[in-house]
């Protein structure tokens, strides 16, 4: 893997990259890598699968046990009293 530094990047570009990283629940560096891949390879930047992003977010909050799958189970909507 190669490392490099980007100098003289406009602050608004940096801020938008940080916001994008936050929205996608990933690191700033991973977001920059995805943007660069998309620009150079002409492919859509792929976010990790939703389940992986959710698990990562909860892991950062201290949840270290697996979350039970609901696949194949009947889910009933909540009764909102209406």
PDB file of N, CA and C in Angstrom:
ATOM      1  N   UNK A   1       0.833  -1.186   0.000  1.00  0.00           N
ATOM      2  CA  UNK A   1       0.000   0.000   0.000  1.00  0.00           C
ATOM      3  C   UNK A   1       0.872   1.242   0.000  1.00  0.00           C
ATOM      4  N   UNK A   2       0.398   2.238  -0.687  1.00  0.00           N
ATOM      5  CA  UNK A   2       1.118   3.496  -0.800  1.00  0.00           C
ATOM      6  C   UNK A   2       0.440   4.559   0.053  1.00  0.00           C
ATOM      7  N   UNK A   3       1.248   5.415   0.621  1.00  0.00           N
ATOM      8  CA  UNK A   3       0.716   6.549   1.367  1.00  0.00           C
ATOM      9  C   UNK A   3       1.155   7.829   0.669  1.00  0.00           C
ATOM     10  N   UNK A   4       0.296   8.839   0.715  1.00  0.00           N
ATOM     11  CA  UNK A   4       0.692  10.141   0.203  1.00  0.00           C
ATOM     12  C   UNK A   4      -0.081  11.217   0.948  1.00  0.00           C
ATOM     13  N   UNK A   5       0.421  12.417   0.860  1.00  0.00           N
ATOM     14  CA  UNK A   5      -0.180  13.566   1.527  1.00  0.00           C
ATOM     15  C   UNK A   5      -0.721  14.513   0.471  1.00  0.00           C
ATOM     16  N   UNK A   6      -1.895  15.038   0.709  1.00  0.00           N
ATOM     17  CA  UNK A   6      -2.477  16.030  -0.190  1.00  0.00           C
ATOM     18  C   UNK A   6      -2.325  17.386   0.481  1.00  0.00           C
ATOM     19  N   UNK A   7      -1.614  18.251  -0.179  1.00  0.00           N
ATOM     20  CA  UNK A   7      -1.383  19.597   0.371  1.00  0.00           C
ATOM     21  C   UNK A   7      -2.296  20.589  -0.347  1.00  0.00           C
ATOM     22  N   UNK A   8      -2.596  21.665   0.343  1.00  0.00           N
ATOM     23  CA  UNK A   8      -3.360  22.784  -0.225  1.00  0.00           C
ATOM     24  C   UNK A   8      -4.762  22.379  -0.671  1.00  0.00           C
ATOM     25  N   UNK A   9      -5.367  21.431   0.028  1.00  0.00           N
ATOM     26  CA  UNK A   9      -6.749  21.054  -0.249  1.00  0.00           C
ATOM     27  C   UNK A   9      -7.664  22.092   0.384  1.00  0.00           C
ATOM     28  N   UNK A  10      -8.640  22.542  -0.364  1.00  0.00           N
ATOM     29  CA  UNK A  10      -9.555  23.547   0.151  1.00  0.00           C
ATOM     30  C   UNK A  10     -10.280  23.008   1.387  1.00  0.00           C
ATOM     31  N   UNK A  11     -10.486  23.882   2.364  1.00  0.00           N
ATOM     32  CA  UNK A  11     -11.131  23.473   3.609  1.00  0.00           C
ATOM     33  C   UNK A  11     -12.551  22.981   3.375  1.00  0.00           C
ATOM     34  N   UNK A  12     -13.274  23.596   2.428  1.00  0.00           N
ATOM     35  CA  UNK A  12     -14.641  23.149   2.198  1.00  0.00           C
ATOM     36  C   UNK A  12     -14.675  21.740   1.598  1.00  0.00           C
ATOM     37  N   UNK A  13     -13.678  21.386   0.798  1.00  0.00           N
ATOM     38  CA  UNK A  13     -13.599  20.021   0.255  1.00  0.00           C
ATOM     39  C   UNK A  13     -13.316  19.041   1.392  1.00  0.00           C
ATOM     40  N   UNK A  14     -12.347  19.379   2.245  1.00  0.00           N
ATOM     41  CA  UNK A  14     -12.043  18.533   3.408  1.00  0.00           C
ATOM     42  C   UNK A  14     -13.279  18.358   4.293  1.00  0.00           C
ATOM     43  N   UNK A  15     -13.989  19.449   4.538  1.00  0.00           N
ATOM     44  CA  UNK A  15     -15.168  19.376   5.402  1.00  0.00           C
ATOM     45  C   UNK A  15     -16.261  18.488   4.793  1.00  0.00           C
ATOM     46  N   UNK A  16     -16.446  18.588   3.485  1.00  0.00           N
ATOM     47  CA  UNK A  16     -17.462  17.755   2.820  1.00  0.00           C
ATOM     48  C   UNK A  16     -17.062  16.281   2.845  1.00  0.00           C
ATOM     49  N   UNK A  17     -15.773  15.993   2.702  1.00  0.00           N
ATOM     50  CA  UNK A  17     -15.302  14.610   2.811  1.00  0.00           C
ATOM     51  C   UNK A  17     -15.536  14.072   4.223  1.00  0.00           C
ATOM     52  N   UNK A  18     -15.274  14.887   5.220  1.00  0.00           N
ATOM     53  CA  UNK A  18     -15.521  14.460   6.610  1.00  0.00           C
ATOM     54  C   UNK A  18     -17.004  14.187   6.851  1.00  0.00           C
ATOM     55  N   UNK A  19     -17.852  15.062   6.324  1.00  0.00           N
ATOM     56  CA  UNK A  19     -19.293  14.885   6.489  1.00  0.00           C
ATOM     57  C   UNK A  19     -19.759  13.619   5.775  1.00  0.00           C
ATOM     58  N   UNK A  20     -19.240  13.372   4.580  1.00  0.00           N
ATOM     59  CA  UNK A  20     -19.574  12.157   3.846  1.00  0.00           C
ATOM     60  C   UNK A  20     -19.151  10.924   4.632  1.00  0.00           C
ATOM     61  N   UNK A  21     -17.966  10.958   5.208  1.00  0.00           N
ATOM     62  CA  UNK A  21     -17.478   9.838   6.018  1.00  0.00           C
ATOM     63  C   UNK A  21     -18.411   9.598   7.207  1.00  0.00           C
ATOM     64  N   UNK A  22     -18.819  10.669   7.851  1.00  0.00           N
ATOM     65  CA  UNK A  22     -19.717  10.561   9.001  1.00  0.00           C
ATOM     66  C   UNK A  22     -21.063   9.961   8.589  1.00  0.00           C
ATOM     67  N   UNK A  23     -21.607  10.418   7.469  1.00  0.00           N
ATOM     68  CA  UNK A  23     -22.886   9.901   6.982  1.00  0.00           C
ATOM     69  C   UNK A  23     -22.802   8.419   6.654  1.00  0.00           C
ATOM     70  N   UNK A  24     -21.662   7.991   6.135  1.00  0.00           N
ATOM     71  CA  UNK A  24     -21.492   6.592   5.752  1.00  0.00           C
ATOM     72  C   UNK A  24     -21.000   5.725   6.900  1.00  0.00           C
ATOM     73  N   UNK A  25     -20.732   6.350   8.049  1.00  0.00           N
ATOM     74  CA  UNK A  25     -20.295   5.588   9.214  1.00  0.00           C
ATOM     75  C   UNK A  25     -18.933   4.949   9.026  1.00  0.00           C
ATOM     76  N   UNK A  26     -18.039   5.643   8.352  1.00  0.00           N
ATOM     77  CA  UNK A  26     -16.715   5.087   8.113  1.00  0.00           C
ATOM     78  C   UNK A  26     -15.665   6.156   8.355  1.00  0.00           C
ATOM     79  N   UNK A  27     -14.417   5.744   8.318  1.00  0.00           N
ATOM     80  CA  UNK A  27     -13.335   6.687   8.586  1.00  0.00           C
ATOM     81  C   UNK A  27     -13.172   7.674   7.433  1.00  0.00           C
ATOM     82  N   UNK A  28     -12.556   8.786   7.749  1.00  0.00           N
ATOM     83  CA  UNK A  28     -12.240   9.799   6.746  1.00  0.00           C
ATOM     84  C   UNK A  28     -11.358   9.186   5.667  1.00  0.00           C
ATOM     85  N   UNK A  29     -10.343   8.431   6.086  1.00  0.00           N
ATOM     86  CA  UNK A  29      -9.418   7.819   5.121  1.00  0.00           C
ATOM     87  C   UNK A  29     -10.122   6.852   4.179  1.00  0.00           C
ATOM     88  N   UNK A  30     -11.042   6.032   4.711  1.00  0.00           N
ATOM     89  CA  UNK A  30     -11.755   5.084   3.844  1.00  0.00           C
ATOM     90  C   UNK A  30     -12.621   5.831   2.838  1.00  0.00           C
ATOM     91  N   UNK A  31     -13.232   6.910   3.265  1.00  0.00           N
ATOM     92  CA  UNK A  31     -14.043   7.715   2.347  1.00  0.00           C
ATOM     93  C   UNK A  31     -13.180   8.291   1.234  1.00  0.00           C
ATOM     94  N   UNK A  32     -12.011   8.816   1.580  1.00  0.00           N
ATOM     95  CA  UNK A  32     -11.106   9.363   0.564  1.00  0.00           C
ATOM     96  C   UNK A  32     -10.684   8.267  -0.405  1.00  0.00           C
ATOM     97  N   UNK A  33     -10.372   7.068   0.116  1.00  0.00           N
ATOM     98  CA  UNK A  33      -9.997   5.952  -0.769  1.00  0.00           C
ATOM     99  C   UNK A  33     -11.121   5.628  -1.738  1.00  0.00           C
ATOM    100  N   UNK A  34     -12.360   5.591  -1.249  1.00  0.00           N
ATOM    101  CA  UNK A  34     -13.487   5.272  -2.122  1.00  0.00           C
ATOM    102  C   UNK A  34     -13.689   6.347  -3.191  1.00  0.00           C
ATOM    103  N   UNK A  35     -13.555   7.595  -2.810  1.00  0.00           N
ATOM    104  CA  UNK A  35     -13.709   8.686  -3.773  1.00  0.00           C
ATOM    105  C   UNK A  35     -12.621   8.601  -4.841  1.00  0.00           C
ATOM    106  N   UNK A  36     -11.390   8.335  -4.427  1.00  0.00           N
ATOM    107  CA  UNK A  36     -10.293   8.207  -5.394  1.00  0.00           C
ATOM    108  C   UNK A  36     -10.490   7.011  -6.321  1.00  0.00           C
ATOM    109  N   UNK A  37     -10.904   5.868  -5.761  1.00  0.00           N
ATOM    110  CA  UNK A  37     -11.167   4.687  -6.594  1.00  0.00           C
ATOM    111  C   UNK A  37     -12.230   5.001  -7.641  1.00  0.00           C
ATOM    112  N   UNK A  38     -13.296   5.636  -7.194  1.00  0.00           N
ATOM    113  CA  UNK A  38     -14.398   5.955  -8.109  1.00  0.00           C
ATOM    114  C   UNK A  38     -13.929   6.898  -9.214  1.00  0.00           C
ATOM    115  N   UNK A  39     -13.111   7.874  -8.857  1.00  0.00           N
ATOM    116  CA  UNK A  39     -12.641   8.846  -9.847  1.00  0.00           C
ATOM    117  C   UNK A  39     -11.696   8.209 -10.857  1.00  0.00           C
ATOM    118  N   UNK A  40     -10.813   7.342 -10.399  1.00  0.00           N
ATOM    119  CA  UNK A  40      -9.795   6.770 -11.275  1.00  0.00           C
ATOM    120  C   UNK A  40     -10.305   5.557 -12.034  1.00  0.00           C
ATOM    121  N   UNK A  41     -11.055   4.713 -11.362  1.00  0.00           N
ATOM    122  CA  UNK A  41     -11.516   3.477 -11.991  1.00  0.00           C
ATOM    123  C   UNK A  41     -12.856   3.638 -12.681  1.00  0.00           C
ATOM    124  N   UNK A  42     -13.520   4.771 -12.452  1.00  0.00           N
ATOM    125  CA  UNK A  42     -14.808   5.005 -13.087  1.00  0.00           C
ATOM    126  C   UNK A  42     -15.908   4.114 -12.554  1.00  0.00           C
ATOM    127  N   UNK A  43     -15.773   3.706 -11.315  1.00  0.00           N
ATOM    128  CA  UNK A  43     -16.796   2.860 -10.693  1.00  0.00           C
ATOM    129  C   UNK A  43     -17.460   3.625  -9.569  1.00  0.00           C
ATOM    130  N   UNK A  44     -18.662   3.211  -9.274  1.00  0.00           N
ATOM    131  CA  UNK A  44     -19.397   3.814  -8.161  1.00  0.00           C
ATOM    132  C   UNK A  44     -18.692   3.438  -6.860  1.00  0.00           C
ATOM    133  N   UNK A  45     -18.467   4.424  -5.994  1.00  0.00           N
ATOM    134  CA  UNK A  45     -17.868   4.133  -4.695  1.00  0.00           C
ATOM    135  C   UNK A  45     -18.814   3.234  -3.921  1.00  0.00           C
ATOM    136  N   UNK A  46     -18.317   2.084  -3.514  1.00  0.00           N
ATOM    137  CA  UNK A  46     -19.167   1.114  -2.824  1.00  0.00           C
ATOM    138  C   UNK A  46     -19.020   1.257  -1.322  1.00  0.00           C
ATOM    139  N   UNK A  47     -20.132   1.421  -0.650  1.00  0.00           N
ATOM    140  CA  UNK A  47     -20.137   1.438   0.802  1.00  0.00           C
ATOM    141  C   UNK A  47     -20.199  -0.006   1.279  1.00  0.00           C
ATOM    142  N   UNK A  48     -19.657  -0.279   2.454  1.00  0.00           N
ATOM    143  CA  UNK A  48     -19.801  -1.632   2.995  1.00  0.00           C
ATOM    144  C   UNK A  48     -21.281  -1.987   3.128  1.00  0.00           C
ATOM    145  N   UNK A  49     -21.614  -3.271   3.150  1.00  0.00           N
ATOM    146  CA  UNK A  49     -23.017  -3.671   3.302  1.00  0.00           C
ATOM    147  C   UNK A  49     -23.638  -3.069   4.568  1.00  0.00           C
ATOM    148  N   UNK A  50     -24.945  -2.835   4.514  1.00  0.00           N
ATOM    149  CA  UNK A  50     -25.645  -2.191   5.623  1.00  0.00           C
ATOM    150  C   UNK A  50     -25.428  -2.916   6.944  1.00  0.00           C
ATOM    151  N   UNK A  51     -25.547  -4.228   6.941  1.00  0.00           N
ATOM    152  CA  UNK A  51     -25.363  -4.986   8.184  1.00  0.00           C
ATOM    153  C   UNK A  51     -23.993  -4.765   8.792  1.00  0.00           C
ATOM    154  N   UNK A  52     -22.976  -4.721   7.956  1.00  0.00           N
ATOM    155  CA  UNK A  52     -21.609  -4.485   8.447  1.00  0.00           C
ATOM    156  C   UNK A  52     -21.470  -3.086   9.026  1.00  0.00           C
ATOM    157  N   UNK A  53     -22.088  -2.106   8.365  1.00  0.00           N
ATOM    158  CA  UNK A  53     -22.025  -0.735   8.884  1.00  0.00           C
ATOM    159  C   UNK A  53     -22.734  -0.621  10.230  1.00  0.00           C
ATOM    160  N   UNK A  54     -23.885  -1.276  10.361  1.00  0.00           N
ATOM    161  CA  UNK A  54     -24.623  -1.241  11.630  1.00  0.00           C
ATOM    162  C   UNK A  54     -23.799  -1.908  12.723  1.00  0.00           C
ATOM    163  N   UNK A  55     -23.236  -3.086  12.424  1.00  0.00           N
ATOM    164  CA  UNK A  55     -22.425  -3.797  13.417  1.00  0.00           C
ATOM    165  C   UNK A  55     -21.227  -2.951  13.845  1.00  0.00           C
ATOM    166  N   UNK A  56     -20.551  -2.293  12.894  1.00  0.00           N
ATOM    167  CA  UNK A  56     -19.410  -1.444  13.228  1.00  0.00           C
ATOM    168  C   UNK A  56     -19.821  -0.289  14.128  1.00  0.00           C
ATOM    169  N   UNK A  57     -20.965   0.301  13.821  1.00  0.00           N
ATOM    170  CA  UNK A  57     -21.422   1.434  14.625  1.00  0.00           C
ATOM    171  C   UNK A  57     -21.708   1.001  16.068  1.00  0.00           C
ATOM    172  N   UNK A  58     -22.380  -0.145  16.246  1.00  0.00           N
ATOM    173  CA  UNK A  58     -22.665  -0.629  17.594  1.00  0.00           C
ATOM    174  C   UNK A  58     -21.401  -1.097  18.301  1.00  0.00           C
ATOM    175  N   UNK A  59     -20.454  -1.656  17.557  1.00  0.00           N
ATOM    176  CA  UNK A  59     -19.193  -2.108  18.149  1.00  0.00           C
ATOM    177  C   UNK A  59     -18.454  -0.929  18.760  1.00  0.00           C
ATOM    178  N   UNK A  60     -18.497   0.220  18.091  1.00  0.00           N
ATOM    179  CA  UNK A  60     -17.837   1.414  18.631  1.00  0.00           C
ATOM    180  C   UNK A  60     -18.509   1.886  19.914  1.00  0.00           C
ATOM    181  N   UNK A  61     -19.771   1.512  20.106  1.00  0.00           N
ATOM    182  CA  UNK A  61     -20.505   1.898  21.319  1.00  0.00           C
ATOM    183  C   UNK A  61     -20.372   0.853  22.423  1.00  0.00           C
ATOM    184  N   UNK A  62     -19.593  -0.177  22.182  1.00  0.00           N
ATOM    185  CA  UNK A  62     -19.327  -1.157  23.226  1.00  0.00           C
ATOM    186  C   UNK A  62     -20.064  -2.482  23.090  1.00  0.00           C
ATOM    187  N   UNK A  63     -20.886  -2.649  22.065  1.00  0.00           N
ATOM    188  CA  UNK A  63     -21.585  -3.923  21.868  1.00  0.00           C
ATOM    189  C   UNK A  63     -20.619  -4.893  21.212  1.00  0.00           C
ATOM    190  N   UNK A  64     -20.272  -5.956  21.927  1.00  0.00           N
ATOM    191  CA  UNK A  64     -19.311  -6.900  21.371  1.00  0.00           C
ATOM    192  C   UNK A  64     -19.909  -8.299  21.199  1.00  0.00           C
ATOM    193  N   UNK A  65     -21.215  -8.407  21.320  1.00  0.00           N
ATOM    194  CA  UNK A  65     -21.889  -9.692  21.115  1.00  0.00           C
ATOM    195  C   UNK A  65     -22.658  -9.637  19.801  1.00  0.00           C
ATOM    196  N   UNK A  66     -22.829 -10.794  19.146  1.00  0.00           N
ATOM    197  CA  UNK A  66     -23.580 -10.796  17.886  1.00  0.00           C
ATOM    198  C   UNK A  66     -25.030 -10.353  18.091  1.00  0.00           C
ATOM    199  N   UNK A  67     -25.578  -9.729  17.080  1.00  0.00           N
ATOM    200  CA  UNK A  67     -26.982  -9.324  17.097  1.00  0.00           C
ATOM    201  C   UNK A  67     -27.777 -10.431  16.414  1.00  0.00           C
ATOM    202  N   UNK A  68     -28.831 -10.897  17.057  1.00  0.00           N
ATOM    203  CA  UNK A  68     -29.621 -12.003  16.531  1.00  0.00           C
ATOM    204  C   UNK A  68     -30.289 -11.630  15.210  1.00  0.00           C
ATOM    205  N   UNK A  69     -30.247 -12.554  14.278  1.00  0.00           N
ATOM    206  CA  UNK A  69     -30.893 -12.374  12.971  1.00  0.00           C
ATOM    207  C   UNK A  69     -32.405 -12.438  13.112  1.00  0.00           C
ATOM    208  N   UNK A  70     -33.109 -11.636  12.348  1.00  0.00           N
ATOM    209  CA  UNK A  70     -34.566 -11.688  12.314  1.00  0.00           C
ATOM    210  C   UNK A  70     -35.065 -12.329  11.019  1.00  0.00           C
ATOM    211  N   UNK A  71     -34.159 -12.718  10.163  1.00  0.00           N
ATOM    212  CA  UNK A  71     -34.526 -13.280   8.870  1.00  0.00           C
ATOM    213  C   UNK A  71     -35.454 -14.486   9.050  1.00  0.00           C
ATOM    214  N   UNK A  72     -36.555 -14.481   8.309  1.00  0.00           N
ATOM    215  CA  UNK A  72     -37.498 -15.596   8.344  1.00  0.00           C
ATOM    216  C   UNK A  72     -38.500 -15.539   9.475  1.00  0.00           C
ATOM    217  N   UNK A  73     -38.427 -14.527  10.318  1.00  0.00           N
ATOM    218  CA  UNK A  73     -39.357 -14.409  11.428  1.00  0.00           C
ATOM    219  C   UNK A  73     -40.435 -13.397  11.080  1.00  0.00           C
ATOM    220  N   UNK A  74     -41.655 -13.674  11.537  1.00  0.00           N
ATOM    221  CA  UNK A  74     -42.754 -12.759  11.313  1.00  0.00           C
ATOM    222  C   UNK A  74     -42.571 -11.534  12.218  1.00  0.00           C
ATOM    223  N   UNK A  75     -42.597 -10.362  11.640  1.00  0.00           N
ATOM    224  CA  UNK A  75     -42.458  -9.124  12.404  1.00  0.00           C
ATOM    225  C   UNK A  75     -43.796  -8.405  12.356  1.00  0.00           C
ATOM    226  N   UNK A  76     -44.311  -8.083  13.530  1.00  0.00           N
ATOM    227  CA  UNK A  76     -45.586  -7.401  13.637  1.00  0.00           C
ATOM    228  C   UNK A  76     -45.357  -5.906  13.878  1.00  0.00           C
ATOM    229  N   UNK A  77     -46.129  -5.042  13.232  1.00  0.00           N
ATOM    230  CA  UNK A  77     -45.988  -3.607  13.498  1.00  0.00           C
ATOM    231  C   UNK A  77     -46.455  -3.281  14.907  1.00  0.00           C
ATOM    232  N   UNK A  78     -45.899  -2.241  15.499  1.00  0.00           N
ATOM    233  CA  UNK A  78     -46.317  -1.875  16.851  1.00  0.00           C
ATOM    234  C   UNK A  78     -47.754  -1.319  16.839  1.00  0.00           C
ATOM    235  N   UNK A  79     -48.478  -1.530  17.937  1.00  0.00           N
ATOM    236  CA  UNK A  79     -49.801  -0.967  18.096  1.00  0.00           C
ATOM    237  C   UNK A  79     -49.663   0.459  18.595  1.00  0.00           C
ATOM    238  N   UNK A  80     -50.013   1.413  17.785  1.00  0.00           N
ATOM    239  CA  UNK A  80     -49.868   2.814  18.152  1.00  0.00           C
ATOM    240  C   UNK A  80     -51.140   3.412  18.757  1.00  0.00           C
ATOM    241  N   UNK A  81     -52.090   2.524  19.069  1.00  0.00           N
ATOM    242  CA  UNK A  81     -53.300   2.962  19.738  1.00  0.00           C
ATOM    243  C   UNK A  81     -54.262   3.734  18.851  1.00  0.00           C
ATOM    244  N   UNK A  82     -54.223   3.492  17.576  1.00  0.00           N
ATOM    245  CA  UNK A  82     -55.057   4.299  16.708  1.00  0.00           C
ATOM    246  C   UNK A  82     -56.089   3.589  15.984  1.00  0.00           C
TER     247      UNK A  82
END
